[in-house]
Protein backbone atom coordinates (compact mmCIF):
# COMPACT_ATOMS: atom_id res chain seq x y z
CA MET A 1 70.18 67.14 47.38
CA SER A 2 71.23 68.35 50.80
CA GLN A 3 68.66 69.08 53.45
CA GLN A 4 68.98 72.09 55.73
CA LYS A 5 67.88 71.51 59.30
CA LEU A 6 65.96 74.22 61.06
CA THR A 7 66.10 74.68 64.80
CA VAL A 8 62.87 76.00 66.28
CA SER A 9 63.10 77.34 69.82
CA LEU A 10 60.36 78.11 72.31
CA SER A 11 58.44 81.36 72.00
CA PRO A 12 58.80 84.28 71.92
CA HIS A 13 60.40 84.12 68.48
CA THR A 14 62.29 87.39 68.43
CA SER A 15 65.73 88.35 67.26
CA GLY A 16 67.96 91.35 67.67
CA LYS A 17 71.48 92.55 67.26
CA ASP A 18 72.12 92.96 70.99
CA SER A 19 73.63 90.01 72.84
CA VAL A 20 73.18 89.24 76.54
CA HIS A 21 76.68 90.57 77.11
CA ARG A 22 75.87 93.87 75.38
CA VAL A 23 72.66 94.30 77.36
CA MET A 24 74.46 93.65 80.64
CA ILE A 25 77.11 96.22 79.75
CA ASP A 26 74.34 98.75 79.13
CA VAL A 27 72.80 97.98 82.53
CA VAL A 28 76.17 98.39 84.26
CA ILE A 29 76.68 101.73 82.51
CA ALA A 30 73.20 102.83 83.60
CA LEU A 31 73.99 101.90 87.20
CA LEU A 32 77.20 103.96 87.31
CA PRO A 33 75.60 107.33 88.26
CA ALA A 34 73.83 105.79 91.25
CA LEU A 35 77.00 103.87 92.14
CA ALA A 36 79.08 107.05 92.04
CA MET A 37 76.51 108.81 94.22
CA SER A 38 76.62 106.00 96.77
CA PHE A 39 80.43 106.26 96.93
CA TYR A 40 80.12 110.00 97.51
CA ILE A 41 77.43 109.71 100.18
CA PHE A 42 78.64 106.63 102.09
CA GLY A 43 82.35 106.52 101.24
CA PHE A 44 84.38 103.34 101.56
CA GLY A 45 81.48 101.30 102.94
CA ALA A 46 79.61 101.51 99.62
CA PHE A 47 82.74 100.49 97.70
CA ARG A 48 83.34 97.54 100.03
CA VAL A 49 79.79 96.19 99.81
CA THR A 50 79.64 96.57 96.01
CA LEU A 51 83.01 94.88 95.46
CA LEU A 52 82.11 91.99 97.77
CA ALA A 53 78.70 91.45 96.20
CA VAL A 54 79.96 91.50 92.61
CA PHE A 55 83.00 89.31 93.27
CA SER A 56 81.06 86.72 95.30
CA CYS A 57 78.19 86.54 92.77
CA VAL A 58 80.62 85.91 89.92
CA LEU A 59 82.56 83.36 91.99
CA PHE A 60 79.47 81.43 93.09
CA GLU A 61 78.09 81.28 89.56
CA TYR A 62 81.41 79.94 88.28
CA LEU A 63 81.80 77.33 91.04
CA ILE A 64 78.20 76.10 90.80
CA GLN A 65 78.30 75.74 87.02
CA LYS A 66 81.79 74.26 86.95
CA PHE A 67 81.64 71.75 89.78
CA MET A 68 77.95 71.12 90.52
CA LEU A 69 76.09 71.50 87.25
CA LYS A 70 79.08 70.35 85.16
CA VAL A 71 78.40 72.90 82.44
CA LYS A 72 80.50 75.58 80.83
CA PRO A 73 80.55 78.67 83.09
CA THR A 74 78.74 81.67 81.65
CA ILE A 75 80.24 84.40 83.84
CA ASN A 76 81.46 86.20 80.73
CA ASP A 77 77.91 87.24 79.84
CA GLY A 78 77.97 89.78 82.69
CA SER A 79 74.68 88.74 84.29
CA ALA A 80 76.37 87.78 87.57
CA VAL A 81 78.04 91.21 87.69
CA VAL A 82 74.66 92.91 87.29
CA THR A 83 73.13 90.68 89.98
CA GLY A 84 75.97 91.59 92.33
CA MET A 85 75.58 95.31 91.70
CA LEU A 86 71.81 95.22 92.15
CA LEU A 87 72.17 93.17 95.33
CA ALA A 88 74.65 95.71 96.69
CA PHE A 89 72.26 98.53 95.77
CA ASN A 90 69.68 96.94 98.08
CA LEU A 91 71.99 96.70 101.09
CA PRO A 92 73.17 99.20 103.71
CA SER A 93 76.80 100.22 103.28
CA ASN A 94 77.76 99.02 106.78
CA LEU A 95 76.51 95.43 106.37
CA PRO A 96 79.04 92.85 107.66
CA TRP A 97 81.10 91.27 104.90
CA TRP A 98 79.91 87.74 105.54
CA MET A 99 76.24 88.75 105.23
CA VAL A 100 76.97 90.23 101.81
CA ILE A 101 78.48 86.90 100.75
CA VAL A 102 75.49 84.98 102.13
CA GLY A 103 73.17 87.23 100.15
CA SER A 104 75.20 86.55 96.99
CA LEU A 105 75.01 82.80 97.57
CA VAL A 106 71.22 82.95 97.95
CA ALA A 107 70.84 85.21 94.91
CA ILE A 108 72.99 83.07 92.61
CA GLY A 109 72.70 79.59 94.09
CA ILE A 110 69.03 79.51 95.05
CA ALA A 111 67.25 82.20 93.02
CA LYS A 112 69.17 81.70 89.77
CA MET A 113 71.14 78.47 89.39
CA SER A 114 68.61 76.17 91.07
CA PHE A 115 66.15 77.05 88.28
CA GLY A 116 68.66 76.45 85.51
CA GLY A 117 70.51 79.74 85.26
CA LEU A 118 69.91 82.92 83.31
CA GLY A 119 66.58 83.00 81.53
CA ASN A 120 64.91 80.36 83.71
CA ASN A 121 64.59 82.05 87.11
CA PRO A 122 61.03 83.15 87.96
CA PHE A 123 62.11 85.64 90.63
CA ASN A 124 64.59 88.49 90.53
CA PRO A 125 67.79 87.00 92.04
CA ALA A 126 69.07 90.20 93.66
CA LEU A 127 65.74 90.81 95.39
CA VAL A 128 65.58 87.22 96.63
CA GLY A 129 69.01 87.72 98.20
CA ARG A 130 67.94 91.03 99.69
CA VAL A 131 64.69 89.70 101.18
CA PHE A 132 66.48 86.64 102.59
CA LEU A 133 68.97 88.89 104.38
CA PHE A 134 66.20 91.20 105.57
CA ILE A 135 64.21 88.35 107.10
CA SER A 136 67.27 86.57 108.53
CA PHE A 137 69.18 89.61 109.84
CA PRO A 138 66.62 92.41 110.34
CA VAL A 139 68.74 94.48 112.72
CA ALA A 140 71.78 94.59 110.45
CA MET A 141 69.61 95.21 107.39
CA THR A 142 67.87 98.19 109.01
CA SER A 143 70.90 99.91 110.58
CA TRP A 144 71.31 102.65 108.00
CA PRO A 145 74.48 104.77 107.99
CA LYS A 146 73.88 108.50 107.98
CA PRO A 147 75.16 110.22 104.83
CA ILE A 148 78.58 111.90 104.65
CA VAL A 149 79.68 110.98 108.15
CA THR A 150 82.59 108.54 108.03
CA ARG A 151 83.83 109.15 104.50
CA MET A 152 87.08 107.20 104.62
CA SER A 153 86.57 104.88 107.57
CA LEU A 154 86.25 101.12 107.25
CA VAL A 155 83.04 101.04 109.29
CA ASP A 156 80.14 103.47 109.21
CA ALA A 157 79.70 104.01 112.94
CA VAL A 158 76.83 106.51 112.97
CA THR A 159 73.42 105.22 111.92
CA GLY A 160 69.93 106.65 111.72
CA ALA A 161 66.44 105.89 110.52
CA THR A 162 65.41 106.29 106.89
CA PRO A 163 62.69 108.83 106.01
CA LEU A 164 60.18 106.00 105.53
CA ALA A 165 61.06 104.56 108.93
CA ILE A 166 60.64 107.98 110.55
CA VAL A 167 57.18 108.31 109.02
CA LYS A 168 56.17 104.78 109.98
CA GLU A 169 57.28 105.24 113.58
CA GLY A 170 55.66 108.67 113.76
CA PHE A 171 52.27 107.43 112.61
CA LYS A 172 52.56 104.51 115.00
CA ASN A 173 52.98 107.00 117.86
CA ASN A 174 50.21 109.29 116.56
CA VAL A 175 52.60 112.09 115.61
CA ALA A 176 51.00 114.73 113.37
CA VAL A 177 52.14 115.01 109.75
CA THR A 178 53.14 118.65 110.25
CA GLU A 179 55.46 117.65 113.09
CA LEU A 180 56.87 114.72 111.09
CA MET A 181 57.75 116.98 108.18
CA THR A 182 60.11 118.95 110.42
CA LYS A 183 62.11 115.77 111.02
CA LEU A 184 62.34 114.75 107.38
CA PRO A 185 64.85 115.78 104.69
CA SER A 186 63.76 118.30 102.10
CA TYR A 187 62.40 117.12 98.78
CA LEU A 188 65.59 118.38 97.12
CA ASP A 189 67.73 116.25 99.44
CA LEU A 190 65.49 113.27 98.73
CA PHE A 191 65.84 113.82 94.98
CA ILE A 192 69.62 114.26 95.07
CA GLY A 193 70.25 111.53 97.63
CA LYS A 194 71.47 113.15 100.84
CA VAL A 195 69.59 110.64 102.99
CA GLY A 196 70.15 107.33 104.69
CA GLY A 197 69.10 104.06 103.10
CA SER A 198 70.34 101.25 100.90
CA LEU A 199 73.41 102.43 99.05
CA GLY A 200 71.92 102.37 95.54
CA GLU A 201 68.38 103.59 96.15
CA ILE A 202 69.02 106.99 97.72
CA SER A 203 69.43 109.23 94.66
CA ALA A 204 66.37 109.51 92.43
CA ALA A 205 68.29 111.87 90.15
CA ALA A 206 71.08 109.35 89.49
CA LEU A 207 68.62 106.51 88.94
CA ILE A 208 66.53 108.57 86.51
CA LEU A 209 69.70 109.40 84.57
CA GLY A 210 70.48 105.68 84.30
CA GLY A 211 66.90 104.94 83.31
CA MET A 212 67.05 107.49 80.50
CA TYR A 213 70.15 105.74 79.16
CA LEU A 214 68.38 102.35 79.21
CA LEU A 215 65.39 103.83 77.39
CA TYR A 216 67.69 105.38 74.79
CA ARG A 217 69.43 102.04 74.30
CA LYS A 218 66.01 100.32 74.20
CA VAL A 219 67.07 97.89 76.91
CA ILE A 220 63.84 98.67 78.75
CA SER A 221 60.52 100.20 77.72
CA TRP A 222 58.53 102.86 79.53
CA HIS A 223 55.57 100.66 80.40
CA ILE A 224 56.64 99.13 83.73
CA PRO A 225 58.40 102.19 85.25
CA ILE A 226 55.64 104.64 84.32
CA ALA A 227 52.84 102.28 85.38
CA MET A 228 54.51 101.62 88.72
CA LEU A 229 55.35 105.28 89.44
CA LEU A 230 51.90 106.54 88.45
CA THR A 231 50.17 103.89 90.55
CA VAL A 232 52.21 104.78 93.63
CA PHE A 233 51.58 108.49 93.06
CA VAL A 234 47.84 108.18 92.40
CA PHE A 235 47.03 105.64 95.13
CA SER A 236 49.06 107.43 97.82
CA GLY A 237 47.66 110.74 96.57
CA ILE A 238 44.10 109.54 97.06
CA LEU A 239 44.88 108.45 100.61
CA TRP A 240 46.58 111.76 101.31
CA ARG A 241 43.68 113.80 99.94
CA VAL A 242 41.18 111.79 101.98
CA SER A 243 43.12 112.16 105.21
CA PRO A 244 46.18 114.48 104.98
CA ASP A 245 46.73 114.29 108.73
CA LYS A 246 47.07 110.50 108.59
CA TYR A 247 48.93 109.84 105.33
CA ILE A 248 52.05 111.36 103.80
CA ASP A 249 51.87 113.16 100.45
CA PRO A 250 52.50 111.28 97.16
CA LEU A 251 55.65 113.21 96.21
CA PHE A 252 57.32 111.98 99.38
CA GLN A 253 56.23 108.42 98.57
CA ILE A 254 57.78 108.65 95.11
CA LEU A 255 61.11 110.13 96.20
CA THR A 256 61.81 107.83 99.16
CA GLY A 257 62.89 104.23 99.47
CA GLY A 258 63.41 101.94 96.53
CA ILE A 259 60.70 103.26 94.20
CA PHE A 260 62.99 104.45 91.40
CA LEU A 261 65.49 101.62 91.83
CA GLY A 262 62.68 99.09 91.70
CA ALA A 263 60.81 100.73 88.83
CA ILE A 264 63.82 101.23 86.55
CA PHE A 265 66.22 98.38 87.33
CA MET A 266 64.46 95.61 89.26
CA ALA A 267 60.92 95.34 87.91
CA THR A 268 62.12 95.68 84.30
CA ASP A 269 64.24 92.52 84.46
CA MET A 270 63.56 90.83 81.10
CA VAL A 271 63.40 87.33 82.57
CA THR A 272 60.98 88.02 85.41
CA SER A 273 58.64 90.56 83.78
CA PRO A 274 55.80 90.15 81.23
CA MET A 275 56.48 90.09 77.50
CA THR A 276 53.65 92.27 76.17
CA PRO A 277 53.11 96.02 76.71
CA LYS A 278 49.66 95.36 78.18
CA GLY A 279 51.12 92.81 80.56
CA MET A 280 53.90 95.19 81.57
CA ILE A 281 51.38 97.87 82.50
CA ILE A 282 49.38 95.40 84.61
CA PHE A 283 52.62 94.22 86.19
CA GLY A 284 53.78 97.75 87.03
CA CYS A 285 50.40 98.77 88.43
CA GLY A 286 50.35 95.67 90.64
CA ILE A 287 53.80 96.47 92.03
CA GLY A 288 52.84 100.06 92.76
CA LEU A 289 49.60 99.07 94.47
CA ILE A 290 51.21 96.43 96.68
CA THR A 291 54.07 98.77 97.56
CA VAL A 292 51.71 101.45 98.90
CA VAL A 293 49.59 98.88 100.75
CA ILE A 294 52.67 97.52 102.55
CA ARG A 295 54.03 100.98 103.30
CA VAL A 296 50.77 102.36 104.64
CA PHE A 297 49.02 99.38 106.19
CA GLY A 298 51.78 96.78 106.65
CA ALA A 299 54.31 96.23 109.39
CA TYR A 300 57.31 97.29 107.28
CA PRO A 301 58.07 100.87 106.22
CA GLU A 302 59.15 99.71 102.75
CA GLY A 303 57.46 97.28 100.38
CA VAL A 304 59.08 97.56 96.94
CA SER A 305 61.11 94.33 97.16
CA PHE A 306 58.16 92.28 98.40
CA ALA A 307 55.85 93.81 95.80
CA ILE A 308 58.15 92.97 92.89
CA LEU A 309 58.66 89.38 94.05
CA ILE A 310 54.91 88.90 94.53
CA MET A 311 54.21 90.18 91.03
CA ASN A 312 57.05 88.02 89.63
CA ALA A 313 54.95 85.04 90.68
CA PHE A 314 52.02 86.34 88.62
CA VAL A 315 54.02 86.86 85.41
CA PRO A 316 53.01 83.50 83.82
CA LEU A 317 49.34 84.29 84.43
CA ILE A 318 49.74 87.83 83.11
CA ASP A 319 51.48 86.55 79.97
CA LYS A 320 48.73 84.00 79.44
CA PHE A 321 46.03 86.63 79.87
CA CYS A 322 47.73 89.16 77.61
CA LYS A 323 49.07 86.90 74.90
CA PRO A 324 48.11 87.99 71.37
CA SER A 325 45.76 85.99 69.20
CA LYS A 326 47.26 83.17 67.20
CA TYR A 327 48.27 84.04 63.69
CA GLY A 328 45.38 83.55 61.31
CA LEU A 329 42.80 83.14 64.09
CA VAL A 330 39.77 85.39 63.63
CA LYS A 331 37.32 85.84 66.49
CA ASN A 332 33.62 85.71 65.65
CA GLY A 333 31.32 88.53 66.64
């Protein structure tokens, strides 16, 4: 009588028809509207940064697995492509080529491969690469090309401050909100993406379109994006209502910076986010709260990347707190 061996893996014990490769394809498809918008707004610079980031991420993953870890390369699963695209989305389109490659090396080599590869990294690799570049090269990472200026040139020569930077500098110099609003783009321009900033975060409309596709494909759930967006809106709205001459309105906070990119594509990373719906809501609320605190009270005009990485560190605790009761265990009382 033959015996059949069963292989039991670590929790969570879930199964589905979608492979990692299929999920990564869905994410790439969802990123295409924002990618197309970045090409339109920033021209060749956006194409150059995206191509460099994707190619170098795939190359570093292959080289590290092949020659350092001595394992079969897994670049065919598409995760390195997604990391490269998300890293590019967090960079200005005029960033020097070698900085893009350094960011890819940090994202893949340090944030992903040093922990064992896909599924083992505690922090979002693309955001680790972005924050490393921001801390190491702050001038280059905050020299934002103005939109639709040098469409076909190799270098975006004209730069300007982002809306968040304008607000931050204005409040620092005690400029009234009414005067600041005259220097800021309209809400329609903010929604469409006719503003300066990282190449993939500028268009809320394109990012929402991609998010709707991911929800339809059930790659992500609504819990983290909605919790994060509502927290940013409510917290910044309270501050604005208390002192409208000191704080900017919540709609501006939602439409600027990396809120939608972070809420839809970065915070929802399956590996670095909680497993339960309750945990996801706590996770999203924490990101939103920290983002507003950094924006309003911190030294930097933007805080989405830092907020997500901080909450990534709390994911094990959140999962432990929100884990369901063991099967068959009945609580007394």
